[in-house]
Amino acid sequence: MSRLESFIRRMSAQRDVIDHVAQALPLPEDGAILEIGLGNGRTFDHLREKFPGRRIVAFDRALGAHASSTPPPGDLVLGEIVETARAFAGTDAALVHADIGTGYDDKDAVTLTWLPDIVARALGAGGIAISGLPLDHAALEPLALPATVDSKRYFLYRRRA
């Protein structure tokens, strides 16, 4: 499969999982959405559309988002995500979306030493995690994906109570 086809499949999976959560999985009433990996802001913009009125806090190393898809200053956290996201432990987020995989197994293995714990600690009970990398953590219960999404392409979890 070409890298272009792979990218399209990843973006389609991401959209389908976010839409599935918005339509079929109730989020806790309170709590922000955390967007780990703002990138160019396309997913942030989609989350904003699907969860209107919900605060969305976005994390990235540096700002690279399109101006129309940039969070307000109070909802943009810049710096090394492994360090900045730890401050959101215990904030009872309703949803965490993390798409910071690189496609390099060795680099992603390092990310997986800290990402599952940061996500689990940030989520409130019953909160949802969507990730491009598998999040192996005792506090996270895997959920079924929409039929359009390959089980090795994107991952969906609920934070256990």
Protein backbone atom coordinates (compact mmCIF):
# COMPACT_ATOMS: atom_id res chain seq x y z
CA MET A 1 0.00 0.00 0.00
CA SER A 2 1.37 3.43 -0.88
CA ARG A 3 2.04 5.96 1.84
CA LEU A 4 -0.74 8.11 0.35
CA GLU A 5 -3.25 5.25 0.62
CA SER A 6 -2.10 4.58 4.18
CA PHE A 7 -2.55 8.25 5.10
CA ILE A 8 -6.05 8.31 3.61
CA ARG A 9 -7.00 5.16 5.53
CA ARG A 10 -5.66 6.67 8.77
CA MET A 11 -7.55 9.93 8.27
CA SER A 12 -10.76 8.07 7.36
CA ALA A 13 -10.41 5.87 10.43
CA GLN A 14 -9.80 8.91 12.63
CA ARG A 15 -12.89 10.68 11.28
CA ASP A 16 -15.05 7.55 11.56
CA VAL A 17 -14.04 6.90 15.17
CA ILE A 18 -14.60 10.52 16.23
CA ASP A 19 -17.99 10.54 14.49
CA HIS A 20 -18.89 7.23 16.15
CA VAL A 21 -18.08 8.64 19.59
CA ALA A 22 -20.08 11.80 18.88
CA GLN A 23 -23.11 9.81 17.70
CA ALA A 24 -23.12 6.66 19.81
CA LEU A 25 -20.97 6.91 22.94
CA PRO A 26 -22.05 9.27 25.69
CA LEU A 27 -19.25 11.31 27.21
CA PRO A 28 -19.22 12.39 30.83
CA GLU A 29 -21.27 15.56 31.18
CA ASP A 30 -18.35 17.65 32.35
CA GLY A 31 -14.74 17.65 31.34
CA ALA A 32 -12.66 19.02 28.52
CA ILE A 33 -11.49 17.32 25.38
CA LEU A 34 -7.72 16.93 25.10
CA GLU A 35 -6.20 16.90 21.62
CA ILE A 36 -2.72 15.41 21.96
CA GLY A 37 -0.92 16.38 18.79
CA LEU A 38 -2.50 19.48 17.24
CA GLY A 39 -0.50 19.27 14.00
CA ASN A 40 -2.13 21.41 11.36
CA GLY A 41 -5.41 21.54 13.31
CA ARG A 42 -7.68 19.50 11.05
CA THR A 43 -8.69 17.09 13.81
CA PHE A 44 -9.07 19.95 16.31
CA ASP A 45 -11.48 21.59 13.85
CA HIS A 46 -13.43 18.32 13.47
CA LEU A 47 -13.63 17.85 17.25
CA ARG A 48 -14.86 21.44 17.61
CA GLU A 49 -17.61 20.74 15.07
CA LYS A 50 -18.67 17.40 16.58
CA PHE A 51 -18.58 18.53 20.23
CA PRO A 52 -19.81 22.14 20.17
CA GLY A 53 -19.56 24.00 23.44
CA ARG A 54 -16.93 21.63 24.83
CA ARG A 55 -13.58 23.09 25.82
CA ILE A 56 -10.78 21.58 23.70
CA VAL A 57 -7.21 21.82 24.96
CA ALA A 58 -4.60 21.05 22.34
CA PHE A 59 -0.97 19.98 22.87
CA ASP A 60 1.96 20.08 20.48
CA ARG A 61 5.69 20.75 20.43
CA ALA A 62 5.26 23.91 18.39
CA LEU A 63 2.42 25.71 16.70
CA GLY A 64 1.98 24.60 13.10
CA ALA A 65 -1.79 24.75 12.74
CA HIS A 66 -3.69 26.72 10.15
CA ALA A 67 -4.93 30.01 11.64
CA SER A 68 -8.57 28.91 11.34
CA SER A 69 -7.81 25.74 13.31
CA THR A 70 -5.74 27.16 16.15
CA PRO A 71 -7.16 27.05 19.69
CA PRO A 72 -7.31 30.22 21.73
CA PRO A 73 -4.12 30.91 23.74
CA GLY A 74 -5.52 29.49 27.00
CA ASP A 75 -6.33 26.19 25.30
CA LEU A 76 -3.02 25.68 23.49
CA VAL A 77 -0.19 23.99 25.38
CA LEU A 78 3.17 24.04 23.63
CA GLY A 79 6.28 22.08 24.56
CA GLU A 80 7.28 18.45 24.86
CA ILE A 81 3.98 16.61 25.28
CA VAL A 82 5.49 14.03 27.63
CA GLU A 83 6.10 16.93 30.03
CA THR A 84 3.21 19.33 29.36
CA ALA A 85 0.40 16.76 29.33
CA ARG A 86 1.34 15.41 32.76
CA ALA A 87 -0.06 18.61 34.26
CA PHE A 88 -3.53 17.48 33.12
CA ALA A 89 -3.54 14.32 35.25
CA GLY A 90 -6.64 14.27 37.42
CA THR A 91 -8.50 16.89 35.37
CA ASP A 92 -11.29 14.42 34.51
CA ALA A 93 -11.22 14.96 30.77
CA ALA A 94 -14.27 13.66 28.95
CA LEU A 95 -12.33 12.70 25.81
CA VAL A 96 -8.68 12.39 24.87
CA HIS A 97 -7.67 12.10 21.25
CA ALA A 98 -4.02 11.22 20.62
CA ASP A 99 -2.60 10.91 17.14
CA ILE A 100 1.15 11.29 17.64
CA GLY A 101 2.44 8.09 16.09
CA THR A 102 5.32 8.49 13.68
CA GLY A 103 5.16 5.24 11.73
CA TYR A 104 8.63 4.36 13.03
CA ASP A 105 8.34 1.41 15.42
CA ASP A 106 11.33 2.45 17.53
CA LYS A 107 10.08 6.02 18.05
CA ASP A 108 6.51 4.89 18.70
CA ALA A 109 7.77 2.35 21.26
CA VAL A 110 9.26 5.24 23.25
CA THR A 111 5.98 7.18 23.06
CA LEU A 112 4.13 4.10 24.30
CA THR A 113 6.23 4.09 27.48
CA TRP A 114 4.41 7.26 28.64
CA LEU A 115 1.31 7.95 26.50
CA PRO A 116 -1.06 5.29 27.93
CA ASP A 117 -0.47 6.48 31.50
CA ILE A 118 -0.88 10.16 30.62
CA VAL A 119 -4.16 9.43 28.82
CA ALA A 120 -5.51 7.22 31.63
CA ARG A 121 -4.63 9.78 34.31
CA ALA A 122 -6.17 12.68 32.39
CA LEU A 123 -9.51 10.96 31.73
CA GLY A 124 -12.35 11.02 34.19
CA ALA A 125 -14.34 7.88 34.96
CA GLY A 126 -16.28 6.89 31.86
CA GLY A 127 -14.20 9.17 29.65
CA ILE A 128 -13.26 8.08 26.14
CA ALA A 129 -9.80 7.74 24.60
CA ILE A 130 -9.22 7.65 20.85
CA SER A 131 -5.70 6.90 19.69
CA GLY A 132 -3.65 6.11 16.63
CA LEU A 133 -1.43 3.97 18.87
CA PRO A 134 -2.62 1.14 21.13
CA LEU A 135 -2.97 2.24 24.76
CA ASP A 136 -2.22 -0.72 26.98
CA HIS A 137 -3.28 0.38 30.47
CA ALA A 138 -5.29 -1.37 33.19
CA ALA A 139 -7.59 1.65 33.60
CA LEU A 140 -8.58 1.65 29.92
CA GLU A 141 -11.18 -0.78 28.60
CA PRO A 142 -11.04 -1.41 24.84
CA LEU A 143 -14.26 -0.63 22.97
CA ALA A 144 -15.56 -1.88 19.64
CA LEU A 145 -14.66 0.22 16.64
CA PRO A 146 -17.03 1.18 13.84
CA ALA A 147 -17.17 -1.49 11.13
CA THR A 148 -15.33 0.84 8.72
CA VAL A 149 -12.18 0.89 10.89
CA ASP A 150 -9.47 -1.77 10.91
CA SER A 151 -8.67 -2.88 14.46
CA LYS A 152 -4.96 -2.26 13.90
CA ARG A 153 -5.44 1.22 12.41
CA TYR A 154 -7.10 3.11 15.28
CA PHE A 155 -8.00 2.36 18.89
CA LEU A 156 -10.91 3.23 21.18
CA TYR A 157 -11.17 2.93 24.97
CA ARG A 158 -13.33 3.92 27.94
CA ARG A 159 -11.79 4.86 31.30
CA ARG A 160 -12.92 2.38 33.92
CA ALA A 161 -14.60 3.79 37.02
